[in-house]
Protein backbone atom coordinates (compact mmCIF):
# COMPACT_ATOMS: atom_id res chain seq x y z
CA PRO A 1 -50.06 -111.18 -25.40
CA MET A 2 -47.64 -109.37 -27.75
CA MET A 3 -48.32 -111.76 -30.62
CA ALA A 4 -52.07 -111.36 -30.15
CA GLY A 5 -51.59 -107.58 -30.11
CA LEU A 6 -49.60 -107.71 -33.34
CA ALA A 7 -52.30 -109.89 -34.90
CA GLN A 8 -54.90 -107.30 -33.92
CA ALA A 9 -52.72 -104.54 -35.38
CA LEU A 10 -52.50 -106.50 -38.64
CA ALA A 11 -56.29 -107.00 -38.61
CA ASN A 12 -56.76 -103.24 -38.24
CA VAL A 13 -54.34 -102.56 -41.11
CA ALA A 14 -56.13 -105.12 -43.31
CA LYS A 15 -59.53 -103.57 -42.55
CA ALA A 16 -58.15 -100.13 -43.43
CA ASN A 17 -56.86 -101.51 -46.77
CA PRO A 18 -59.73 -103.64 -48.12
CA GLU A 19 -58.31 -103.47 -51.65
CA LEU A 20 -55.31 -105.55 -50.53
CA THR A 21 -55.22 -109.25 -49.71
CA PHE A 22 -53.12 -110.20 -46.71
CA VAL A 23 -51.75 -113.75 -46.85
CA TYR A 24 -50.52 -115.05 -43.51
CA PRO A 25 -48.88 -118.49 -43.43
CA VAL A 26 -49.42 -119.23 -39.73
CA HIS A 27 -46.82 -121.28 -37.88
CA LEU A 28 -48.20 -124.68 -36.84
CA ASN A 29 -47.28 -124.13 -33.17
CA PRO A 30 -50.59 -124.16 -31.23
CA ALA A 31 -49.51 -121.14 -29.17
CA VAL A 32 -49.04 -119.13 -32.38
CA GLN A 33 -52.36 -120.37 -33.78
CA ASP A 34 -54.16 -119.41 -30.55
CA ALA A 35 -52.58 -115.94 -30.55
CA VAL A 36 -53.21 -115.15 -34.22
CA ARG A 37 -56.49 -116.73 -35.26
CA PRO A 38 -58.96 -114.86 -32.97
CA ALA A 39 -57.97 -111.45 -34.36
CA LEU A 40 -57.57 -112.42 -38.00
CA GLU A 41 -59.96 -115.27 -38.81
CA GLY A 42 -62.99 -113.12 -39.50
CA VAL A 43 -61.23 -110.44 -41.55
CA ALA A 44 -62.48 -110.67 -45.15
CA ASN A 45 -59.19 -109.78 -46.87
CA VAL A 46 -56.92 -111.91 -44.66
CA MET A 47 -56.08 -115.45 -45.76
CA LEU A 48 -54.71 -117.59 -42.94
CA THR A 49 -52.90 -120.57 -44.44
CA GLU A 50 -50.61 -123.36 -43.37
CA PRO A 51 -46.89 -122.71 -43.96
CA TRP A 52 -45.95 -122.81 -47.65
CA ASN A 53 -43.18 -124.85 -49.27
CA TYR A 54 -40.14 -122.88 -50.39
CA SER A 55 -40.95 -122.43 -54.08
CA SER A 56 -44.54 -121.40 -53.34
CA MET A 57 -43.34 -118.98 -50.67
CA VAL A 58 -40.90 -117.38 -53.12
CA ALA A 59 -43.73 -116.97 -55.65
CA LEU A 60 -45.92 -115.40 -52.96
CA LEU A 61 -43.15 -113.05 -51.86
CA SER A 62 -42.39 -111.97 -55.42
CA ALA A 63 -46.04 -111.01 -55.90
CA ALA A 64 -46.27 -109.07 -52.64
CA GLU A 65 -46.69 -105.31 -52.45
CA LEU A 66 -45.12 -105.43 -48.98
CA VAL A 67 -43.68 -108.28 -46.93
CA ILE A 68 -44.40 -108.14 -43.19
CA THR A 69 -42.28 -110.54 -41.15
CA ASP A 70 -40.23 -111.27 -38.08
CA SER A 71 -38.29 -114.02 -39.89
CA GLY A 72 -34.64 -113.43 -40.69
CA GLY A 73 -34.70 -115.65 -43.77
CA ILE A 74 -37.77 -113.90 -45.17
CA GLN A 75 -35.98 -110.56 -44.72
CA GLU A 76 -33.25 -111.78 -47.08
CA GLU A 77 -35.66 -113.41 -49.53
CA GLY A 78 -37.80 -110.28 -49.74
CA ALA A 79 -34.74 -108.12 -50.35
CA ALA A 80 -33.44 -110.51 -53.02
CA LEU A 81 -36.81 -110.33 -54.78
CA GLY A 82 -36.91 -106.52 -54.62
CA ARG A 83 -39.88 -106.48 -52.25
CA PRO A 84 -40.15 -103.90 -49.45
CA VAL A 85 -39.90 -105.70 -46.10
CA ALA A 86 -41.44 -104.45 -42.85
CA VAL A 87 -39.64 -106.18 -39.98
CA LEU A 88 -41.62 -106.71 -36.78
CA ARG A 89 -38.61 -106.68 -34.49
CA ASN A 90 -36.72 -104.13 -32.43
CA VAL A 91 -33.38 -105.30 -33.84
CA THR A 92 -32.30 -107.39 -36.80
CA GLU A 93 -29.20 -109.44 -37.43
CA ARG A 94 -29.45 -108.13 -41.00
CA PRO A 95 -28.74 -104.40 -40.49
CA GLU A 96 -27.31 -104.06 -44.01
CA GLY A 97 -30.88 -104.45 -45.32
CA VAL A 98 -32.03 -101.53 -43.18
CA GLU A 99 -28.99 -99.48 -44.28
CA ALA A 100 -29.68 -100.30 -47.95
CA GLY A 101 -33.30 -99.22 -47.50
CA VAL A 102 -35.08 -102.44 -48.48
CA LEU A 103 -35.91 -103.36 -44.86
CA LYS A 104 -37.75 -101.12 -42.43
CA LEU A 105 -37.51 -101.99 -38.75
CA LEU A 106 -40.94 -101.35 -37.18
CA GLY A 107 -40.38 -102.79 -33.71
CA ASN A 108 -42.91 -105.03 -32.00
CA ASP A 109 -45.19 -102.62 -30.17
CA PRO A 110 -48.64 -103.26 -31.71
CA ALA A 111 -49.72 -99.59 -31.81
CA GLU A 112 -46.44 -98.48 -33.39
CA VAL A 113 -46.50 -101.36 -35.88
CA GLU A 114 -50.08 -100.55 -36.89
CA SER A 115 -49.27 -96.87 -37.40
CA ALA A 116 -46.08 -97.61 -39.35
CA LEU A 117 -47.81 -100.16 -41.61
CA LEU A 118 -50.68 -97.76 -42.33
CA ASP A 119 -48.13 -95.04 -43.19
CA LEU A 120 -46.11 -97.39 -45.40
CA LEU A 121 -49.12 -98.74 -47.30
CA SER A 122 -50.35 -95.20 -47.97
CA ASP A 123 -46.96 -94.05 -49.33
CA PRO A 124 -46.41 -95.46 -52.84
CA ALA A 125 -43.25 -93.36 -53.26
CA GLU A 126 -41.68 -94.93 -50.16
CA LEU A 127 -42.65 -98.44 -51.26
CA GLU A 128 -41.11 -97.76 -54.68
CA ARG A 129 -37.95 -96.39 -53.07
CA MET A 130 -37.69 -99.58 -50.98
CA ARG A 131 -38.36 -101.73 -54.08
CA SER A 132 -35.56 -100.07 -56.00
CA ALA A 133 -33.02 -100.26 -53.14
CA PRO A 134 -30.01 -102.43 -53.92
CA ASN A 135 -30.00 -105.97 -52.56
CA PRO A 136 -27.29 -105.93 -49.87
CA TYR A 137 -27.17 -109.73 -49.76
CA GLY A 138 -25.64 -110.19 -53.21
CA ASP A 139 -26.71 -110.24 -56.82
CA GLY A 140 -27.59 -113.93 -57.07
CA ARG A 141 -24.56 -114.80 -59.21
CA ALA A 142 -22.36 -116.43 -56.55
CA SER A 143 -22.69 -119.94 -58.01
CA ASP A 144 -21.68 -118.70 -61.48
CA ARG A 145 -18.65 -116.95 -60.01
CA ILE A 146 -17.65 -120.03 -58.02
CA ALA A 147 -17.96 -122.30 -61.09
CA GLN A 148 -15.85 -119.87 -63.16
CA ALA A 149 -13.20 -119.66 -60.43
CA VAL A 150 -13.01 -123.45 -60.07
CA ALA A 151 -12.74 -123.90 -63.84
CA TRP A 152 -9.97 -121.28 -63.95
CA ARG A 153 -8.16 -122.94 -61.04
CA PHE A 154 -8.07 -126.23 -62.98
CA ASP A 155 -6.99 -124.54 -66.23
CA LEU A 156 -10.34 -125.27 -67.84
CA ALA A 157 -11.29 -121.65 -68.47
CA PRO A 158 -9.73 -118.19 -68.47
CA LYS A 159 -9.50 -116.14 -65.29
CA PRO A 160 -12.96 -114.69 -64.55
CA ALA A 161 -13.26 -111.12 -65.76
CA ASP A 162 -14.62 -109.85 -62.45
CA TRP A 163 -12.06 -111.73 -60.35
CA ALA A 164 -10.85 -109.42 -57.61
CA PRO A 165 -9.55 -111.32 -54.57
CA ASP A 166 -5.98 -112.03 -55.69
CA VAL A 167 -5.22 -112.50 -52.00
CA LEU A 168 -7.10 -115.80 -52.20
CA ALA A 169 -5.37 -117.02 -55.35
CA THR A 170 -2.94 -119.91 -54.90
CA GLY A 171 -0.74 -122.17 -56.96
CA GLY A 172 1.26 -119.46 -58.69
CA ARG A 173 -1.79 -117.64 -60.04
CA GLY A 174 -2.25 -113.92 -59.40
CA THR A 175 -0.26 -111.91 -56.91
CA GLY A 176 -1.28 -113.97 -53.89
CA GLY A 177 0.41 -117.20 -54.87
């Protein structure tokens, strides 16, 4: 019943914002399909699709005005792409995203979710503030830093300029070894 209520809330939000297209990759679970499709299938600006592959999903997220999800992974992806994320949960295991301002926890009560989404979509300043919030999950340069650290460790490159954790240094390098 809650999922059907949330689907109806999303249908109401879509109808109130006909200039926007809502893309909903619906989980293949029949219970999810049965809960979501009745409320959303006939709404002109809602596209119900099968789940997307990763690269297509990232492209979709990066084009989104607002990401609406209950998925933990999508919370991080949206934040990494600088997209405002409305989280349809009462709690999240990613509170740093809420603290940074890129995630907004809306709960899962359909009436409250509907009201919050309508408010958010009618507040361009708030959406922009969320878009410009720092990504609390990193800057996307971890692999570069790891490669530089490994090269330094094997005397193949100088110590990385932004190297901070001397505590982790071993083998006579830095103050930790």
